[in-house]
Amino acid sequence: MRRGIDPDLYSYLSFRDFLRDWYAARKAADKRFSHRLFARRAGVSSPSLLNEVIGGRRNLTPRTLEGFIAALGLDEEGSAFFSALVQLDQGATDDERNEAFRRVESSRRFRSARRIEGASFRYLSTWYYPAIRELALCRNFQAEPEWIAQQLQPSITVAQARQALEALFELGMLERTEDGVRVPELSLATPHQVTGLAVNNYHKQMLQRAADSVEQAHPDSRHLLGVTVAIPQSMVPRIKRELNAMQERLLHLCDDAVDDADRVVQVHLALVPLTRGGT
């Protein structure tokens, strides 16, 4: 494919979207180009494989991945980036997908094309990013990495605090004012390809903070509740609605007291299956 009509691989987080746009651009440049010709170049027998992969009905195997890279004509850097996108989509575990995203984000060309997406993923994936944003609502907040690093429990490094602070300003989650720092009302837009992974990372880290608090936090500053009950599967949606409603009530309660805030806490509401019963 001629370079002038290539879609920019490094502006994608979905290898399927890239394949769709790559084929559309190739077809527009050469009406004779077809799925059959692509299959021949990729060394696969099924002319429909490309279309099925684009539509999410088929995944790439190690052999077909190698063939697709050859058909796309990617160089070494592009091959590594495309492979990481495939792992980000097809990884069997969160660990595999997180490793894939680290490889994606390590690309200088990706950071140039989609810097904000990388920062928003880190915000949702790292427990102390939202904690620092909430800390900025406290009366004594100082937008200094050294001060922030000492306030969090468990402590983080000054370098981590600096990186988080820079990302929060970059994302618009914090804004500098003449009087210091303000926290604007802002919804964070995160690409759907990594939203689920980022949310999983967030919950895992926050649940770990809760587990650590059993030994590390004074009983007066924490409150842990748990109950084990037998229920019909049909009751799960109702319990979820009750938990959501409780969270909303707690948020309203906290919002009313934000002007007097002097610390940051994490409140957990969890429904966890302990057996394999139900659907």
Protein backbone atom coordinates (compact mmCIF):
# COMPACT_ATOMS: atom_id res chain seq x y z
CA MET A 1 0.00 0.00 0.00
CA ARG A 2 1.33 3.46 -0.85
CA ARG A 3 2.39 5.47 2.17
CA GLY A 4 0.33 8.46 1.10
CA ILE A 5 -2.94 6.65 1.68
CA ASP A 6 -2.06 4.62 4.78
CA PRO A 7 -4.23 5.32 7.84
CA ASP A 8 -1.99 6.21 10.78
CA LEU A 9 -1.59 2.96 12.71
CA TYR A 10 -0.39 4.85 15.80
CA SER A 11 -3.65 6.77 16.15
CA TYR A 12 -5.59 3.54 16.80
CA LEU A 13 -6.34 1.59 19.96
CA SER A 14 -8.32 -1.07 18.07
CA PHE A 15 -6.53 -3.26 15.55
CA ARG A 16 -9.94 -4.15 14.08
CA ASP A 17 -10.74 -0.48 13.40
CA PHE A 18 -7.32 -0.08 11.80
CA LEU A 19 -7.89 -3.09 9.55
CA ARG A 20 -11.30 -1.72 8.51
CA ASP A 21 -9.87 1.67 7.59
CA TRP A 22 -6.77 0.17 5.98
CA TYR A 23 -8.87 -2.02 3.69
CA ALA A 24 -11.24 0.86 2.85
CA ALA A 25 -8.30 3.09 1.92
CA ARG A 26 -6.68 0.32 -0.15
CA LYS A 27 -9.94 -0.37 -1.95
CA ALA A 28 -10.44 3.33 -2.68
CA ALA A 29 -6.93 3.50 -4.17
CA ASP A 30 -7.28 0.30 -6.22
CA LYS A 31 -10.76 -1.00 -7.11
CA ARG A 32 -9.24 -4.40 -7.98
CA PHE A 33 -8.08 -4.93 -4.41
CA SER A 34 -10.19 -7.56 -2.65
CA HIS A 35 -10.48 -9.71 0.44
CA ARG A 36 -9.28 -12.62 -1.67
CA LEU A 37 -6.12 -10.76 -2.66
CA PHE A 38 -5.47 -9.80 0.97
CA ALA A 39 -5.91 -13.45 2.01
CA ARG A 40 -3.41 -14.53 -0.62
CA ARG A 41 -0.85 -12.01 0.61
CA ALA A 42 -1.49 -13.06 4.22
CA GLY A 43 -1.08 -16.73 3.35
CA VAL A 44 -4.53 -17.74 4.63
CA SER A 45 -7.05 -19.89 2.78
CA SER A 46 -10.26 -18.07 3.75
CA PRO A 47 -11.03 -14.92 1.75
CA SER A 48 -13.58 -13.94 4.40
CA LEU A 49 -11.13 -14.00 7.31
CA LEU A 50 -10.27 -10.31 7.09
CA ASN A 51 -13.94 -9.31 7.15
CA GLU A 52 -14.66 -11.68 10.05
CA VAL A 53 -11.75 -10.32 12.08
CA ILE A 54 -12.84 -6.73 11.42
CA GLY A 55 -16.35 -7.60 12.55
CA GLY A 56 -15.10 -9.24 15.76
CA ARG A 57 -16.35 -12.70 14.78
CA ARG A 58 -12.85 -14.18 14.56
CA ASN A 59 -9.59 -13.56 16.40
CA LEU A 60 -6.07 -13.66 15.07
CA THR A 61 -3.88 -16.63 15.94
CA PRO A 62 -0.07 -16.36 16.09
CA ARG A 63 0.10 -17.73 12.53
CA THR A 64 -2.59 -15.48 11.06
CA LEU A 65 -1.16 -12.48 12.94
CA GLU A 66 2.17 -13.02 11.19
CA GLY A 67 0.37 -13.30 7.86
CA PHE A 68 -1.66 -10.14 8.42
CA ILE A 69 1.49 -8.20 9.30
CA ALA A 70 3.06 -9.34 6.04
CA ALA A 71 -0.04 -8.39 4.03
CA LEU A 72 -0.18 -4.98 5.67
CA GLY A 73 3.46 -4.36 4.80
CA LEU A 74 4.34 -3.13 8.29
CA ASP A 75 7.92 -2.37 9.26
CA GLU A 76 9.50 -3.66 12.48
CA GLU A 77 8.13 -0.85 14.63
CA GLY A 78 4.69 -1.10 13.08
CA SER A 79 4.66 -4.87 13.48
CA ALA A 80 5.41 -4.59 17.19
CA PHE A 81 2.72 -1.94 17.65
CA PHE A 82 0.09 -3.89 15.70
CA SER A 83 0.91 -7.04 17.72
CA ALA A 84 0.43 -5.07 20.94
CA LEU A 85 -2.98 -3.85 19.73
CA VAL A 86 -3.98 -7.45 19.03
CA GLN A 87 -2.94 -8.51 22.54
CA LEU A 88 -4.79 -5.52 24.03
CA ASP A 89 -7.96 -6.78 22.34
CA GLN A 90 -7.49 -10.53 22.67
CA GLY A 91 -5.53 -10.92 25.91
CA ALA A 92 -6.99 -13.64 28.10
CA THR A 93 -6.27 -11.85 31.39
CA ASP A 94 -6.09 -8.28 32.66
CA ASP A 95 -2.34 -8.77 33.23
CA GLU A 96 -1.85 -9.61 29.55
CA ARG A 97 -3.94 -6.65 28.42
CA ASN A 98 -2.16 -4.27 30.81
CA GLU A 99 1.18 -5.43 29.47
CA ALA A 100 -0.11 -4.83 25.96
CA PHE A 101 -1.20 -1.30 26.84
CA ARG A 102 2.22 -0.58 28.34
CA ARG A 103 3.76 -1.62 25.03
CA VAL A 104 1.27 0.54 23.12
CA GLU A 105 1.84 3.58 25.31
CA SER A 106 5.62 3.21 25.19
CA SER A 107 5.50 4.09 21.50
CA ARG A 108 6.60 7.68 20.97
CA ARG A 109 4.38 7.91 17.89
CA PHE A 110 1.32 6.77 19.88
CA ARG A 111 2.01 9.31 22.62
CA SER A 112 2.22 11.99 19.95
CA ALA A 113 -1.08 10.94 18.36
CA ARG A 114 -3.10 10.03 21.47
CA ARG A 115 -1.42 11.57 24.51
CA ILE A 116 -4.70 12.27 26.33
CA GLU A 117 -5.93 8.69 26.00
CA GLY A 118 -2.81 7.44 27.75
CA ALA A 119 -3.26 9.92 30.60
CA SER A 120 -6.95 9.10 31.03
CA PHE A 121 -6.16 5.37 31.16
CA ARG A 122 -3.61 5.99 33.92
CA TYR A 123 -6.16 8.10 35.82
CA LEU A 124 -8.73 5.29 35.85
CA SER A 125 -6.15 2.55 36.41
CA THR A 126 -4.14 4.00 39.28
CA TRP A 127 -5.66 4.42 42.73
CA TYR A 128 -3.78 7.55 43.71
CA TYR A 129 -4.78 9.65 40.66
CA PRO A 130 -8.43 10.09 41.76
CA ALA A 131 -7.25 10.23 45.38
CA ILE A 132 -5.06 13.25 44.57
CA ARG A 133 -7.93 14.91 42.72
CA GLU A 134 -10.15 14.51 45.77
CA LEU A 135 -7.30 15.67 48.01
CA ALA A 136 -7.34 18.93 46.05
CA LEU A 137 -10.80 19.59 47.54
CA CYS A 138 -9.33 19.68 51.04
CA ARG A 139 -8.68 23.04 52.69
CA ASN A 140 -4.95 22.51 53.24
CA PHE A 141 -4.11 21.13 49.77
CA GLN A 142 -0.70 21.95 48.32
CA ALA A 143 -0.04 21.24 44.64
CA GLU A 144 3.49 20.11 45.41
CA PRO A 145 4.64 16.51 44.66
CA GLU A 146 6.64 16.29 47.89
CA TRP A 147 3.65 17.28 50.03
CA ILE A 148 1.22 15.02 48.14
CA ALA A 149 3.52 11.99 48.39
CA GLN A 150 3.55 12.31 52.18
CA GLN A 151 -0.22 12.69 52.53
CA LEU A 152 -1.32 9.48 50.83
CA GLN A 153 -1.73 6.17 52.61
CA PRO A 154 0.12 4.09 51.59
CA SER A 155 2.79 6.62 50.63
CA ILE A 156 3.81 7.05 47.01
CA THR A 157 7.07 8.37 45.61
CA VAL A 158 7.60 12.02 44.76
CA ALA A 159 8.07 10.99 41.12
CA GLN A 160 4.70 9.22 41.12
CA ALA A 161 3.03 12.25 42.68
CA ARG A 162 4.63 14.56 40.12
CA GLN A 163 3.51 12.38 37.19
CA ALA A 164 -0.03 12.15 38.57
CA LEU A 165 -0.22 15.90 39.19
CA GLU A 166 0.97 16.66 35.65
CA ALA A 167 -1.60 14.24 34.20
CA LEU A 168 -4.44 15.75 36.24
CA PHE A 169 -3.64 19.24 34.95
CA GLU A 170 -3.23 17.91 31.41
CA LEU A 171 -6.61 16.17 31.55
CA GLY A 172 -8.31 19.25 32.96
CA MET A 173 -9.17 17.36 36.15
CA LEU A 174 -7.35 20.11 38.06
CA GLU A 175 -6.98 23.78 37.10
CA ARG A 176 -4.60 26.42 38.41
CA THR A 177 -6.12 29.66 39.68
CA GLU A 178 -4.78 32.85 41.27
CA ASP A 179 -5.70 31.40 44.65
CA GLY A 180 -4.21 27.94 44.05
CA VAL A 181 -6.00 24.98 42.48
CA ARG A 182 -9.64 24.27 41.70
CA VAL A 183 -11.38 20.97 40.86
CA PRO A 184 -13.72 21.49 37.90
CA GLU A 185 -16.78 19.37 37.21
CA LEU A 186 -15.55 17.24 34.34
CA SER A 187 -16.38 13.86 32.85
CA LEU A 188 -13.37 11.86 31.72
CA ALA A 189 -13.64 10.45 28.20
CA THR A 190 -11.81 7.15 27.85
CA PRO A 191 -11.69 5.00 24.69
CA HIS A 192 -14.05 2.04 25.01
CA GLN A 193 -11.25 -0.34 24.01
CA VAL A 194 -9.57 0.18 27.39
CA THR A 195 -12.38 1.42 29.64
CA GLY A 196 -13.21 -2.04 31.00
CA LEU A 197 -9.56 -2.82 31.65
CA ALA A 198 -9.01 0.51 33.41
CA VAL A 199 -12.08 0.01 35.62
CA ASN A 200 -10.89 -3.50 36.52
CA ASN A 201 -7.50 -2.06 37.48
CA TYR A 202 -9.19 0.60 39.62
CA HIS A 203 -11.35 -1.84 41.56
CA LYS A 204 -8.47 -4.27 42.15
CA GLN A 205 -6.26 -1.50 43.54
CA MET A 206 -8.99 -0.01 45.70
CA LEU A 207 -9.96 -3.41 47.10
CA GLN A 208 -6.29 -3.95 47.92
CA ARG A 209 -6.29 -0.64 49.81
CA ALA A 210 -9.28 -1.95 51.80
CA ALA A 211 -7.47 -5.21 52.59
CA ASP A 212 -4.33 -3.32 53.64
CA SER A 213 -6.39 -1.12 55.96
CA VAL A 214 -7.14 -4.11 58.20
CA GLU A 215 -3.57 -3.91 59.52
CA GLN A 216 -2.43 -0.43 58.50
CA ALA A 217 -5.35 1.82 59.50
CA HIS A 218 -6.55 2.56 63.02
CA PRO A 219 -9.99 1.05 63.72
CA ASP A 220 -11.36 4.53 64.45
CA SER A 221 -10.62 5.64 60.86
CA ARG A 222 -11.99 2.61 59.01
CA HIS A 223 -15.24 0.66 58.99
CA LEU A 224 -15.48 -2.77 57.40
CA LEU A 225 -18.74 -4.64 57.01
CA GLY A 226 -19.48 -8.02 55.50
CA VAL A 227 -22.36 -10.46 55.46
CA THR A 228 -22.73 -13.86 53.81
CA VAL A 229 -26.26 -14.78 52.75
CA ALA A 230 -28.10 -17.25 50.52
CA ILE A 231 -30.35 -15.64 47.90
CA PRO A 232 -32.18 -16.56 44.68
CA GLN A 233 -30.34 -15.46 41.54
CA SER A 234 -33.38 -13.38 40.59
CA MET A 235 -32.72 -11.10 43.55
CA VAL A 236 -29.27 -9.96 42.33
CA PRO A 237 -30.59 -7.07 40.16
CA ARG A 238 -32.58 -5.69 43.10
CA ILE A 239 -29.55 -5.81 45.41
CA LYS A 240 -27.49 -3.99 42.77
CA ARG A 241 -30.14 -1.26 42.58
CA GLU A 242 -30.10 -0.92 46.37
CA LEU A 243 -26.31 -0.62 46.39
CA ASN A 244 -26.41 1.99 43.61
CA ALA A 245 -29.01 3.98 45.52
CA MET A 246 -26.90 3.80 48.69
CA GLN A 247 -23.89 5.10 46.79
CA GLU A 248 -25.92 8.04 45.50
CA ARG A 249 -27.07 8.90 49.04
CA LEU A 250 -23.49 8.76 50.29
CA LEU A 251 -22.28 10.99 47.46
CA HIS A 252 -24.93 13.59 48.25
CA LEU A 253 -23.97 13.42 51.92
CA CYS A 254 -20.28 13.95 51.10
CA ASP A 255 -20.98 16.70 48.55
CA ASP A 256 -22.84 18.68 51.21
CA ALA A 257 -19.75 18.61 53.44
CA VAL A 258 -17.04 19.18 50.81
CA ASP A 259 -16.29 22.75 51.97
CA ASP A 260 -14.97 21.33 55.27
CA ALA A 261 -13.05 18.39 53.71
CA ASP A 262 -9.69 17.60 55.34
CA ARG A 263 -9.05 13.99 54.24
CA VAL A 264 -9.82 11.48 51.46
CA VAL A 265 -11.50 8.10 52.00
CA GLN A 266 -12.65 5.23 49.80
CA VAL A 267 -16.10 3.71 50.40
CA HIS A 268 -16.70 0.18 49.11
CA LEU A 269 -20.08 -1.33 48.30
CA ALA A 270 -19.67 -4.81 46.90
CA LEU A 271 -21.80 -7.76 45.91
CA VAL A 272 -19.53 -10.78 45.42
CA PRO A 273 -20.62 -14.31 44.40
CA LEU A 274 -19.21 -17.04 46.63
CA THR A 275 -20.68 -20.05 44.79
CA ARG A 276 -21.13 -21.06 41.16
CA GLY A 277 -24.90 -21.28 41.37
CA GLY A 278 -27.31 -19.18 39.30
CA THR A 279 -26.68 -17.82 35.81
